[in-house]
Each structure stands twice: as structure tokens, then as C-alpha cells.
N, C-alpha and C. Protein backbone atom coordinates (compact mmCIF):
# COMPACT_ATOMS: atom_id res chain seq x y z
N MET A 1 17.50 -6.77 -36.02
CA MET A 1 17.16 -6.86 -34.70
C MET A 1 15.95 -5.91 -34.21
N ALA A 2 15.63 -6.12 -33.36
CA ALA A 2 14.87 -4.97 -32.22
C ALA A 2 15.10 -5.02 -30.87
N LEU A 3 15.11 -4.04 -30.02
CA LEU A 3 15.05 -3.69 -28.54
C LEU A 3 14.10 -3.86 -28.31
N VAL A 4 13.20 -4.52 -27.03
CA VAL A 4 12.39 -3.96 -26.21
C VAL A 4 12.75 -3.02 -25.06
N LEU A 5 12.56 -2.01 -24.42
CA LEU A 5 13.28 -2.06 -22.94
C LEU A 5 11.96 -1.51 -22.19
N GLY A 6 11.58 -1.96 -21.22
CA GLY A 6 10.65 -2.38 -20.11
C GLY A 6 11.22 -1.83 -18.82
N LEU A 7 10.71 -0.04 -18.42
CA LEU A 7 11.36 0.71 -17.76
C LEU A 7 10.62 0.17 -16.13
N GLY A 8 11.51 0.44 -15.18
CA GLY A 8 10.99 -0.01 -13.96
C GLY A 8 11.72 0.13 -13.02
N ASN A 9 11.32 -0.29 -11.69
CA ASN A 9 12.95 0.29 -10.64
C ASN A 9 13.03 -1.57 -10.02
N PRO A 10 13.98 -1.89 -9.90
CA PRO A 10 14.39 -3.03 -9.29
C PRO A 10 13.75 -3.89 -8.19
N GLY A 11 13.67 -4.89 -7.83
CA GLY A 11 13.62 -5.29 -6.23
C GLY A 11 12.02 -5.66 -6.20
N ALA A 12 11.53 -6.53 -5.23
CA ALA A 12 10.18 -6.81 -4.81
C ALA A 12 9.63 -5.48 -4.36
N PRO A 13 9.65 -4.43 -3.61
CA PRO A 13 8.83 -3.77 -3.29
C PRO A 13 8.36 -3.11 -4.32
N PHE A 14 8.34 -2.93 -5.93
CA PHE A 14 8.48 -1.90 -6.67
C PHE A 14 8.23 -3.17 -7.55
N ALA A 15 7.76 -3.97 -7.96
CA ALA A 15 7.32 -5.27 -8.75
C ALA A 15 6.42 -5.18 -9.33
N ARG A 16 4.98 -4.63 -8.61
CA ARG A 16 3.86 -4.27 -8.73
C ARG A 16 3.15 -2.69 -8.43
N THR A 17 4.12 -2.03 -8.82
CA THR A 17 3.25 -0.21 -8.66
C THR A 17 3.50 -0.12 -10.38
N ARG A 18 2.74 1.26 -10.22
CA ARG A 18 2.70 1.88 -11.37
C ARG A 18 3.73 2.04 -12.14
N HIS A 19 4.75 2.12 -11.32
CA HIS A 19 5.86 3.03 -12.15
C HIS A 19 6.78 1.43 -13.23
N ASN A 20 6.00 0.16 -12.65
CA ASN A 20 6.92 -1.38 -13.13
C ASN A 20 5.99 -1.51 -14.46
N VAL A 21 4.95 -0.74 -15.01
CA VAL A 21 4.59 -1.47 -15.81
C VAL A 21 5.10 -1.93 -16.78
N GLY A 22 5.68 -1.21 -17.52
CA GLY A 22 7.07 -1.23 -18.86
C GLY A 22 7.44 -3.25 -18.24
N TRP A 23 8.23 -3.10 -17.34
CA TRP A 23 8.58 -4.20 -16.71
C TRP A 23 7.80 -5.33 -16.91
N ARG A 24 6.41 -5.34 -16.44
CA ARG A 24 5.38 -6.25 -16.20
C ARG A 24 5.53 -6.59 -17.83
N VAL A 25 4.63 -5.74 -18.52
CA VAL A 25 4.81 -5.52 -20.34
C VAL A 25 6.48 -6.82 -20.86
N VAL A 26 7.29 -6.66 -20.45
CA VAL A 26 8.82 -7.38 -21.14
C VAL A 26 8.47 -8.76 -20.32
N GLU A 27 7.87 -8.73 -19.02
CA GLU A 27 7.42 -10.31 -18.80
C GLU A 27 7.00 -10.77 -19.08
N ILE A 28 6.02 -10.23 -19.55
CA ILE A 28 4.62 -11.00 -20.39
C ILE A 28 4.95 -11.62 -21.79
N LEU A 29 5.49 -10.62 -22.34
CA LEU A 29 6.44 -11.56 -23.49
C LEU A 29 7.62 -12.69 -23.73
N VAL A 30 8.31 -12.57 -22.68
CA VAL A 30 9.15 -13.00 -22.23
C VAL A 30 8.93 -14.51 -22.04
N ARG A 31 7.25 -14.73 -21.20
CA ARG A 31 6.89 -16.04 -21.29
C ARG A 31 6.47 -16.07 -22.40
N ARG A 32 5.70 -15.40 -23.24
CA ARG A 32 4.53 -15.84 -24.62
C ARG A 32 5.70 -16.17 -25.66
N TRP A 33 6.62 -15.92 -25.50
CA TRP A 33 7.73 -16.26 -26.33
C TRP A 33 8.26 -17.06 -26.52
N HIS A 34 8.75 -17.52 -24.96
CA HIS A 34 9.59 -18.65 -24.27
C HIS A 34 10.78 -17.81 -24.84
N ALA A 35 10.93 -16.92 -24.19
CA ALA A 35 12.57 -16.26 -24.68
C ALA A 35 13.80 -16.81 -24.13
N ARG A 36 14.77 -16.85 -24.83
CA ARG A 36 15.58 -17.26 -23.74
C ARG A 36 17.01 -16.84 -23.05
N PRO A 37 17.18 -16.46 -21.98
CA PRO A 37 18.09 -15.31 -21.27
C PRO A 37 19.23 -14.93 -22.43
N GLY A 38 19.33 -14.08 -22.16
CA GLY A 38 20.68 -13.07 -23.35
C GLY A 38 22.18 -13.11 -22.62
N ASP A 39 22.56 -12.44 -22.33
CA ASP A 39 24.08 -11.85 -21.83
C ASP A 39 23.60 -11.32 -20.30
N ARG A 40 24.41 -11.81 -19.42
CA ARG A 40 24.61 -11.09 -18.06
C ARG A 40 25.27 -9.62 -17.50
N SER A 41 24.71 -8.99 -16.99
CA SER A 41 25.17 -7.56 -16.18
C SER A 41 24.50 -7.46 -15.32
N PRO A 42 25.61 -6.98 -14.23
CA PRO A 42 24.79 -6.24 -12.69
C PRO A 42 23.84 -5.14 -13.11
N LEU A 43 23.80 -4.66 -14.53
CA LEU A 43 22.74 -3.27 -14.97
C LEU A 43 21.55 -3.71 -15.25
N TYR A 44 20.94 -4.78 -16.12
CA TYR A 44 20.36 -5.25 -16.72
C TYR A 44 19.90 -7.17 -16.32
N HIS A 45 18.07 -7.29 -16.94
CA HIS A 45 18.18 -8.87 -17.14
C HIS A 45 18.06 -8.51 -18.61
N ALA A 46 17.93 -9.50 -19.44
CA ALA A 46 18.51 -9.46 -21.41
C ALA A 46 17.30 -10.92 -21.46
N TRP A 47 16.65 -10.97 -22.53
CA TRP A 47 16.09 -12.07 -22.56
C TRP A 47 16.26 -12.12 -24.54
N SER A 48 16.11 -12.85 -25.27
CA SER A 48 16.28 -12.87 -27.04
C SER A 48 15.10 -13.41 -27.29
N ALA A 49 14.74 -13.81 -28.56
CA ALA A 49 14.03 -14.41 -29.36
C ALA A 49 13.51 -14.31 -30.69
N GLU A 50 13.27 -15.30 -31.72
CA GLU A 50 13.05 -14.91 -32.80
C GLU A 50 11.88 -14.88 -33.03
N ARG A 51 11.05 -13.70 -33.81
CA ARG A 51 10.13 -13.50 -34.34
C ARG A 51 10.04 -13.22 -35.57
N GLY A 52 9.47 -13.97 -36.28
CA GLY A 52 9.69 -14.06 -37.72
C GLY A 52 11.20 -14.01 -38.18
N THR A 53 11.23 -13.13 -39.25
CA THR A 53 12.69 -12.90 -39.55
C THR A 53 13.65 -12.42 -38.62
N ARG A 54 13.08 -11.65 -37.65
CA ARG A 54 14.06 -10.60 -36.77
C ARG A 54 13.92 -11.55 -35.29
N THR A 55 15.75 -10.76 -35.06
CA THR A 55 15.57 -10.92 -33.64
C THR A 55 15.35 -10.12 -32.49
N VAL A 56 14.42 -10.29 -31.30
CA VAL A 56 13.84 -9.27 -30.82
C VAL A 56 15.02 -9.63 -29.43
N HIS A 57 15.24 -8.52 -28.47
CA HIS A 57 15.46 -8.50 -27.35
C HIS A 57 15.09 -7.90 -26.54
N LEU A 58 14.85 -7.87 -25.30
CA LEU A 58 14.03 -8.14 -24.11
C LEU A 58 14.96 -7.75 -23.01
N LEU A 59 14.72 -6.50 -22.59
CA LEU A 59 15.27 -5.45 -21.67
C LEU A 59 14.54 -5.23 -20.20
N THR A 60 15.24 -5.11 -19.20
CA THR A 60 14.65 -5.02 -17.86
C THR A 60 16.23 -4.29 -17.17
N PRO A 61 16.14 -2.73 -17.07
CA PRO A 61 17.26 -2.33 -16.32
C PRO A 61 17.23 -2.67 -14.55
N LEU A 62 18.32 -3.08 -14.48
CA LEU A 62 18.34 -3.17 -12.94
C LEU A 62 18.93 -2.10 -12.04
N THR A 63 19.12 -0.91 -12.73
CA THR A 63 19.01 0.19 -12.10
C THR A 63 17.63 0.90 -11.95
N PHE A 64 17.98 1.82 -11.28
CA PHE A 64 16.54 2.34 -10.69
C PHE A 64 16.19 3.20 -11.78
N MET A 65 14.63 3.92 -11.78
CA MET A 65 14.21 4.47 -13.48
C MET A 65 15.07 5.15 -14.04
N ASN A 66 15.42 6.49 -13.10
CA ASN A 66 16.17 7.48 -13.21
C ASN A 66 17.54 7.53 -13.89
N LEU A 67 18.06 5.81 -14.01
CA LEU A 67 19.19 5.43 -14.44
C LEU A 67 19.31 4.43 -15.41
N SER A 68 17.93 4.27 -16.20
CA SER A 68 17.85 3.43 -16.93
C SER A 68 18.49 3.66 -18.41
N GLY A 69 18.74 4.76 -18.38
CA GLY A 69 19.24 5.33 -20.00
C GLY A 69 21.07 4.40 -19.37
N THR A 70 21.46 4.24 -18.54
CA THR A 70 22.78 3.55 -17.96
C THR A 70 22.94 2.26 -18.51
N ALA A 71 21.63 1.18 -18.28
CA ALA A 71 21.92 0.17 -18.06
C ALA A 71 21.28 0.01 -20.29
N LEU A 72 20.43 0.75 -20.71
CA LEU A 72 21.28 0.72 -22.22
C LEU A 72 21.97 0.99 -23.04
N ALA A 73 22.95 2.13 -22.55
CA ALA A 73 23.97 2.36 -22.94
C ALA A 73 24.84 0.88 -22.76
N ASP A 74 24.83 0.11 -21.29
CA ASP A 74 25.72 -0.94 -21.38
C ASP A 74 25.28 -1.85 -22.48
N TRP A 75 23.86 -2.45 -22.40
CA TRP A 75 23.68 -3.12 -23.19
C TRP A 75 24.18 -2.83 -25.12
N THR A 76 24.00 -1.50 -25.18
CA THR A 76 24.37 -0.76 -26.39
C THR A 76 25.65 -0.94 -27.19
N GLY A 77 26.55 -1.20 -26.03
CA GLY A 77 27.92 -0.61 -26.17
C GLY A 77 28.13 -2.48 -26.23
N ARG A 78 27.56 -3.12 -26.05
CA ARG A 78 28.11 -4.97 -25.68
C ARG A 78 27.40 -5.45 -27.71
N HIS A 79 26.27 -4.26 -27.79
CA HIS A 79 25.39 -5.00 -29.14
C HIS A 79 25.29 -4.48 -30.10
N GLY A 80 25.24 -2.76 -29.93
CA GLY A 80 25.42 -1.72 -30.71
C GLY A 80 23.83 -1.81 -30.85
N LEU A 81 23.00 -0.77 -31.50
CA LEU A 81 21.94 -0.72 -32.14
C LEU A 81 21.19 0.88 -32.75
N GLY A 82 20.38 0.79 -33.51
CA GLY A 82 20.06 2.20 -34.25
C GLY A 82 18.23 2.49 -33.63
N ALA A 83 18.51 3.55 -33.32
CA ALA A 83 17.17 4.32 -32.60
C ALA A 83 16.06 4.13 -33.13
N ALA A 84 15.91 3.60 -34.36
CA ALA A 84 14.76 2.94 -35.27
C ALA A 84 14.52 1.16 -34.45
N GLU A 85 15.15 0.56 -33.90
CA GLU A 85 14.78 -0.70 -33.35
C GLU A 85 14.33 -0.72 -31.89
N LEU A 86 14.64 0.23 -31.69
CA LEU A 86 14.19 0.33 -30.12
C LEU A 86 12.93 0.75 -29.80
N LEU A 87 12.37 0.17 -28.86
CA LEU A 87 11.35 0.63 -28.38
C LEU A 87 11.09 0.14 -26.68
N VAL A 88 10.48 1.37 -26.34
CA VAL A 88 10.68 1.34 -25.00
C VAL A 88 9.35 1.81 -24.06
N VAL A 89 8.74 0.71 -23.14
CA VAL A 89 7.45 0.36 -22.91
C VAL A 89 7.53 1.36 -21.28
N ALA A 90 6.41 2.17 -21.05
CA ALA A 90 6.54 3.27 -20.03
C ALA A 90 5.21 3.45 -19.28
N ASP A 91 5.21 3.58 -17.75
CA ASP A 91 4.50 4.14 -17.38
C ASP A 91 4.25 5.96 -17.78
N ASP A 92 2.57 6.09 -17.84
CA ASP A 92 2.94 7.32 -18.12
C ASP A 92 1.11 8.25 -17.29
N VAL A 93 1.73 8.78 -16.20
CA VAL A 93 0.87 9.35 -15.32
C VAL A 93 -0.62 10.45 -15.64
N TYR A 94 -0.22 11.01 -17.66
CA TYR A 94 -0.87 12.06 -17.87
C TYR A 94 -2.09 11.46 -18.97
N LEU A 95 -2.04 9.88 -18.84
CA LEU A 95 -2.91 9.38 -19.56
C LEU A 95 -3.92 8.55 -18.64
N PRO A 96 -5.26 8.44 -18.85
CA PRO A 96 -5.93 7.84 -18.09
C PRO A 96 -5.60 6.33 -18.50
N PHE A 97 -6.37 5.98 -16.89
CA PHE A 97 -5.82 4.48 -16.89
C PHE A 97 -6.34 3.67 -18.04
N GLY A 98 -5.75 2.61 -18.43
CA GLY A 98 -6.18 1.95 -19.95
C GLY A 98 -5.33 2.51 -20.85
N SER A 99 -5.33 4.09 -21.14
CA SER A 99 -4.70 4.08 -22.88
C SER A 99 -3.46 3.89 -22.91
N LEU A 100 -3.25 3.37 -23.94
CA LEU A 100 -2.15 3.18 -24.83
C LEU A 100 -1.70 4.64 -25.97
N ARG A 101 -0.86 4.82 -25.69
CA ARG A 101 0.00 5.94 -26.84
C ARG A 101 1.24 5.42 -27.38
N LEU A 102 1.63 5.01 -28.46
CA LEU A 102 2.74 4.53 -28.89
C LEU A 102 3.01 5.39 -29.62
N ARG A 103 3.95 6.20 -30.21
CA ARG A 103 5.04 7.13 -30.90
C ARG A 103 6.48 6.59 -31.47
N ARG A 104 6.63 7.49 -32.34
CA ARG A 104 7.87 6.65 -32.77
C ARG A 104 8.92 7.98 -32.16
N SER A 105 8.70 8.80 -31.28
CA SER A 105 9.85 9.55 -31.05
C SER A 105 8.78 11.12 -30.01
N GLY A 106 9.61 11.38 -29.59
CA GLY A 106 8.53 13.18 -28.64
C GLY A 106 9.58 13.00 -27.76
N SER A 107 8.93 13.38 -27.11
CA SER A 107 9.69 14.54 -25.36
C SER A 107 9.47 13.54 -24.40
N SER A 108 10.73 13.54 -23.25
CA SER A 108 10.05 12.75 -21.76
C SER A 108 8.72 13.27 -21.06
N GLY A 109 8.39 14.23 -21.89
CA GLY A 109 6.72 14.50 -20.79
C GLY A 109 7.45 14.49 -19.00
N GLY A 110 8.48 14.55 -18.90
CA GLY A 110 9.03 14.96 -17.68
C GLY A 110 9.18 13.39 -16.65
N HIS A 111 9.28 12.32 -17.79
CA HIS A 111 9.21 10.79 -17.49
C HIS A 111 10.72 10.71 -16.78
N ARG A 112 11.23 10.66 -15.43
CA ARG A 112 12.76 10.43 -15.40
C ARG A 112 13.89 9.43 -16.29
N GLY A 113 12.33 8.19 -16.26
CA GLY A 113 13.39 6.95 -17.48
C GLY A 113 13.82 7.43 -18.72
N LEU A 114 12.57 8.23 -19.49
CA LEU A 114 12.59 8.08 -20.77
C LEU A 114 13.56 9.02 -20.64
N GLU A 115 14.06 10.41 -19.82
CA GLU A 115 14.94 11.12 -19.86
C GLU A 115 15.87 10.90 -19.76
N SER A 116 16.35 9.80 -18.72
CA SER A 116 17.57 9.00 -18.92
C SER A 116 17.89 8.34 -20.09
N VAL A 117 17.49 7.65 -20.46
CA VAL A 117 17.35 6.92 -22.18
C VAL A 117 17.77 8.02 -23.24
N GLU A 118 17.09 9.30 -23.20
CA GLU A 118 17.50 10.47 -24.19
C GLU A 118 19.00 10.61 -23.64
N ALA A 119 18.96 10.99 -22.29
CA ALA A 119 20.75 11.47 -22.35
C ALA A 119 21.62 10.19 -23.14
N ALA A 120 21.31 9.08 -23.12
CA ALA A 120 22.26 7.72 -23.23
C ALA A 120 22.03 7.83 -24.51
N LEU A 121 20.98 7.84 -25.38
CA LEU A 121 20.90 7.66 -26.64
C LEU A 121 21.36 9.43 -27.68
N GLY A 122 21.36 10.75 -26.72
CA GLY A 122 21.36 11.96 -27.31
C GLY A 122 20.66 12.35 -28.59
N ARG A 123 19.47 11.32 -28.26
CA ARG A 123 18.52 11.83 -29.10
C ARG A 123 16.89 11.23 -28.87
N ARG A 124 15.97 12.39 -29.65
CA ARG A 124 14.74 11.45 -29.21
C ARG A 124 13.23 10.82 -30.01
N ASP A 125 14.85 10.72 -31.23
CA ASP A 125 13.68 9.71 -31.97
C ASP A 125 13.85 7.75 -31.58
N TYR A 126 13.21 7.71 -30.87
CA TYR A 126 13.00 6.32 -30.46
C TYR A 126 11.75 6.17 -30.19
N ALA A 127 10.87 5.31 -30.60
CA ALA A 127 9.42 4.48 -30.44
C ALA A 127 9.46 4.04 -28.63
N ARG A 128 8.13 4.94 -28.05
CA ARG A 128 7.97 5.01 -26.97
C ARG A 128 6.55 4.58 -26.77
N LEU A 129 6.14 3.41 -26.32
CA LEU A 129 4.79 2.88 -25.71
C LEU A 129 4.44 3.17 -24.46
N ARG A 130 3.45 4.28 -24.07
CA ARG A 130 3.05 4.61 -23.07
C ARG A 130 1.73 4.27 -22.42
N ILE A 131 1.67 3.54 -21.49
CA ILE A 131 0.98 2.79 -20.44
C ILE A 131 0.00 3.81 -19.65
N GLY A 132 -0.91 3.86 -19.85
CA GLY A 132 -1.77 5.36 -18.81
C GLY A 132 -2.17 4.23 -17.38
N VAL A 133 -1.16 4.93 -16.47
CA VAL A 133 -1.73 4.92 -15.31
C VAL A 133 -2.68 5.39 -14.40
N GLY A 134 -3.43 6.89 -15.00
CA GLY A 134 -3.98 7.52 -13.95
C GLY A 134 -3.12 8.61 -13.18
N ALA A 135 -3.34 9.70 -12.68
CA ALA A 135 -3.37 10.98 -12.47
C ALA A 135 -2.86 10.37 -11.32
N ALA A 136 -1.84 11.44 -10.64
CA ALA A 136 -2.00 10.98 -8.93
C ALA A 136 -3.22 12.67 -8.52
N GLU A 137 -3.41 12.56 -7.73
CA GLU A 137 -4.23 13.72 -6.79
C GLU A 137 -3.88 15.55 -7.40
N HIS A 138 -2.61 15.44 -6.97
CA HIS A 138 -1.85 16.33 -7.09
C HIS A 138 -0.63 16.41 -7.43
N SER A 139 0.17 17.70 -7.82
CA SER A 139 1.84 17.14 -8.70
C SER A 139 2.48 17.06 -7.39
N GLY A 140 2.32 17.29 -6.13
CA GLY A 140 2.73 17.05 -5.15
C GLY A 140 3.10 16.02 -4.37
N ALA A 141 1.93 14.75 -5.28
CA ALA A 141 1.79 13.73 -4.87
C ALA A 141 2.28 12.72 -6.06
N LEU A 142 2.34 12.72 -7.18
CA LEU A 142 3.59 12.38 -7.98
C LEU A 142 4.22 10.90 -7.89
N ARG A 143 5.13 11.15 -6.87
CA ARG A 143 6.48 10.25 -6.48
C ARG A 143 5.27 9.45 -5.75
N GLU A 144 4.92 9.50 -4.98
CA GLU A 144 3.91 8.86 -4.30
C GLU A 144 3.41 8.08 -4.93
N HIS A 145 2.30 8.62 -5.77
CA HIS A 145 1.39 7.69 -6.46
C HIS A 145 2.12 6.85 -7.38
N VAL A 146 3.18 7.32 -8.32
CA VAL A 146 3.85 5.97 -8.98
C VAL A 146 4.79 4.79 -8.39
N LEU A 147 4.73 5.65 -7.46
CA LEU A 147 5.76 3.99 -6.61
C LEU A 147 4.56 3.12 -5.48
N LYS A 148 2.92 3.46 -5.76
CA LYS A 148 2.04 2.68 -5.16
C LYS A 148 1.93 1.91 -6.08
N GLU A 149 1.30 0.24 -5.34
CA GLU A 149 0.69 -0.97 -6.22
C GLU A 149 -0.87 -0.20 -6.84
N PHE A 150 -0.99 -0.82 -7.77
CA PHE A 150 -2.51 -0.41 -8.11
C PHE A 150 -2.83 -1.41 -6.41
N GLU A 151 -4.63 -0.88 -6.52
CA GLU A 151 -5.43 -1.50 -5.61
C GLU A 151 -5.78 -3.19 -5.87
N ALA A 152 -5.91 -4.29 -5.34
CA ALA A 152 -6.11 -5.08 -5.31
C ALA A 152 -7.28 -5.35 -6.51
N GLU A 153 -8.52 -4.56 -6.24
CA GLU A 153 -9.63 -5.22 -6.79
C GLU A 153 -9.47 -4.63 -8.70
N ASP A 154 -8.08 -4.21 -8.78
CA ASP A 154 -8.06 -3.46 -9.94
C ASP A 154 -7.04 -4.46 -10.71
N GLU A 155 -6.85 -5.21 -9.78
CA GLU A 155 -5.44 -6.18 -10.63
C GLU A 155 -5.59 -6.88 -12.05
N GLU A 156 -7.23 -7.35 -12.26
CA GLU A 156 -7.66 -7.71 -13.11
C GLU A 156 -7.66 -6.78 -14.41
N ALA A 157 -7.99 -5.47 -14.35
CA ALA A 157 -8.17 -4.69 -15.31
C ALA A 157 -6.52 -4.77 -15.68
N VAL A 158 -5.52 -4.39 -14.65
CA VAL A 158 -4.23 -4.15 -14.59
C VAL A 158 -3.88 -5.01 -15.74
N ASP A 159 -3.93 -6.18 -15.90
CA ASP A 159 -3.57 -7.92 -15.74
C ASP A 159 -3.96 -7.48 -17.54
N GLU A 160 -5.58 -7.01 -17.88
CA GLU A 160 -5.92 -7.04 -19.40
C GLU A 160 -5.36 -6.02 -20.14
N VAL A 161 -4.69 -4.45 -19.37
CA VAL A 161 -4.36 -3.37 -19.71
C VAL A 161 -3.05 -3.87 -20.24
N LEU A 162 -1.78 -4.69 -19.75
CA LEU A 162 -0.78 -5.09 -19.90
C LEU A 162 -0.92 -6.03 -21.09
N GLU A 163 -1.79 -7.03 -20.84
CA GLU A 163 -1.59 -8.08 -22.01
C GLU A 163 -1.93 -7.17 -23.89
N LEU A 164 -2.73 -6.02 -23.40
CA LEU A 164 -3.05 -5.10 -24.62
C LEU A 164 -1.73 -4.64 -25.18
N ALA A 165 -0.81 -4.34 -24.05
CA ALA A 165 0.14 -3.85 -24.39
C ALA A 165 1.49 -4.48 -25.08
N ALA A 166 1.38 -5.54 -24.37
CA ALA A 166 1.78 -6.37 -25.32
C ALA A 166 1.48 -7.16 -26.76
N ASP A 167 0.52 -6.74 -26.49
CA ASP A 167 0.23 -7.20 -28.24
C ASP A 167 0.46 -6.37 -28.96
N ALA A 168 0.75 -4.90 -28.65
CA ALA A 168 0.85 -4.04 -29.24
C ALA A 168 2.44 -3.75 -29.63
N VAL A 169 3.25 -4.22 -28.49
CA VAL A 169 4.73 -4.62 -29.24
C VAL A 169 4.43 -5.38 -30.02
N GLU A 170 4.29 -6.53 -29.98
CA GLU A 170 3.79 -7.83 -30.95
C GLU A 170 3.86 -7.21 -32.55
N THR A 171 2.85 -6.33 -32.64
CA THR A 171 2.52 -5.55 -33.84
C THR A 171 3.66 -4.79 -34.14
N TRP A 172 4.23 -3.61 -33.50
CA TRP A 172 5.38 -3.08 -33.58
C TRP A 172 6.34 -3.49 -34.12
N VAL A 173 6.65 -5.13 -33.70
CA VAL A 173 7.56 -5.87 -33.81
C VAL A 173 7.86 -6.41 -35.43
N GLU A 174 6.19 -6.46 -35.57
CA GLU A 174 5.57 -7.71 -36.44
C GLU A 174 5.34 -6.79 -38.10
N LYS A 175 4.34 -5.82 -37.72
CA LYS A 175 4.17 -5.04 -38.73
C LYS A 175 4.36 -3.53 -39.02
N GLY A 176 5.34 -2.96 -38.06
CA GLY A 176 6.00 -1.73 -37.76
C GLY A 176 4.90 -0.65 -36.98
N ALA A 177 5.90 0.73 -36.55
CA ALA A 177 5.30 1.16 -35.98
C ALA A 177 3.36 2.11 -36.33
N THR A 178 3.31 2.36 -37.73
CA THR A 178 2.23 2.47 -37.89
C THR A 178 0.86 1.68 -38.06
N ALA A 179 1.34 0.68 -38.04
CA ALA A 179 0.30 -0.37 -37.54
C ALA A 179 0.13 -0.59 -36.46
N ALA A 180 0.80 -0.62 -35.07
CA ALA A 180 0.70 -0.32 -33.74
C ALA A 180 0.20 0.90 -34.03
N MET A 181 0.21 2.00 -33.90
CA MET A 181 -0.17 3.11 -33.92
C MET A 181 -2.07 3.26 -34.24
N ASN A 182 -1.93 2.74 -35.23
CA ASN A 182 -3.82 2.73 -35.90
C ASN A 182 -4.36 1.67 -35.00
N ARG A 183 -3.82 0.97 -34.60
CA ARG A 183 -4.51 -0.34 -33.87
C ARG A 183 -4.51 -0.04 -32.34
N PHE A 184 -3.81 0.59 -31.36
CA PHE A 184 -3.65 0.41 -30.33
C PHE A 184 -3.21 1.77 -29.64
N ASN A 185 -3.30 2.70 -30.22
CA ASN A 185 -3.17 4.06 -29.87
C ASN A 185 -4.84 4.68 -29.37
N ARG A 186 -5.24 4.49 -28.56
CA ARG A 186 -6.58 5.17 -27.74
C ARG A 186 -6.82 5.28 -26.25
N ARG A 187 -7.74 6.46 -26.44
CA ARG A 187 -8.01 6.57 -24.79
C ARG A 187 -8.92 5.76 -24.59
N ALA A 188 -8.41 5.32 -22.89
CA ALA A 188 -9.69 4.01 -22.10
C ALA A 188 -11.02 4.56 -22.30
N PRO A 189 -11.40 3.59 -22.14
CA PRO A 189 -13.56 3.99 -22.37
C PRO A 189 -13.62 5.03 -20.92
N LYS A 190 -13.20 4.74 -20.28
CA LYS A 190 -13.78 5.35 -19.34
C LYS A 190 -12.74 6.74 -18.64
N GLU A 191 -12.52 7.85 -18.84
CA GLU A 191 -11.51 8.82 -18.89
C GLU A 191 -11.21 8.72 -17.13
N ASP A 192 -12.22 9.43 -16.34
CA ASP A 192 -11.87 9.27 -15.02
C ASP A 192 -11.33 7.32 -13.94
N SER A 193 -11.21 6.92 -14.86
CA SER A 193 -11.12 5.93 -14.33
C SER A 193 -9.58 6.05 -13.78
N THR A 194 -9.45 5.91 -12.37
CA THR A 194 -7.74 5.93 -11.99
C THR A 194 -7.77 5.00 -10.64
N PRO A 195 -7.43 3.70 -11.19
CA PRO A 195 -7.41 2.69 -10.23
C PRO A 195 -5.95 3.05 -9.10
């Protein structure tokens, strides 16, 4: 079994924001894999699909970002899950736009959603795929930055990055973390690109 948790905020006003790239990757995988709906909860949307010999569950929290761990705890309380079976997909303002960074463990880096996941698990050794969404102009603008949508002219590039992130998730599921890191951990071609 494996679980892919795509972080984001619920509701139409947040759907296309930088903070919701993790959620959008899960939506891509649901379509690609023709995933079937999972159990129902007021805290999350869930789907599942068979990938080779594994059942992969896909989850998007219906809590706000800083309570993502609550949704994860509710799902794992019903299904059980080892940390080695979890991949969390999230935005990262400290990576240039277009960069992907998969790690087996690590700190939250100040990301409230990852902090909440860490608190729910009581550990840091779970895989996370960070998607670079570009930096804010200054630290005081960080919250506003992640809650903004990408510019309309950048959406084609955003779609390409999210499809690549979905490829990275598939590689993690099918070939493991090392293969995914070797193939997808890269910096964006243009370091100064900030859509």
C-alpha cells in the first residue's frame, strides 16, 4: 500500500493558487489512473488505484493547510499506514519555479502543512515532493504570495511542471525513492523565473 497526500486549501478561491500545487498533482493522478473514489470523510477526499502490485491511495485534505495533519490522522486511523508508505506533495517558495525536490525525510522548512503532517505522525521520516513555486518579493509578502494564482500567461508552464511532478510520483510508486530522486531532483532551467 502507498498513500500520496497532496496539500492545499479547500474551496474554489484557492484551487489555482501556488499553495495548491500538491492538490493539483493528485487531481492529475486521479485522472491518469482512473482512480476510484475511496471512503468518505468531512476531512478529506480519497481515491485509490492499482499500480502494479500496489494499491495506491490518493488524498486531498478538506481542512485548511495548517491542519493537513488532522486529515491524514483521520485517514490513517481508519486504514493504518507506515511512514515509509507516505509521499506528501507540497509547494515550496524557496525553490525556483519549476524545480522538483524529492526527499525521504527532512524538516518542514517552515511550511505549515508539512508541520501539521509532522505533528500528526510524530516523526519527520516520510517522503515529500516539493514543487518550486518561486519566491515572494520579501518575507512579509509570503502568505499573500502562496495564496495568489499564477499569472494566466504562466499557466501552460505550470501545467507542464505539475505533469512532471505527477511523473515523479509514479516513479516513486513504481521504482522507489532513489529512482525518483535521481530522475526528477533538478533545478529549474531559469533560476530567476518567478511566475
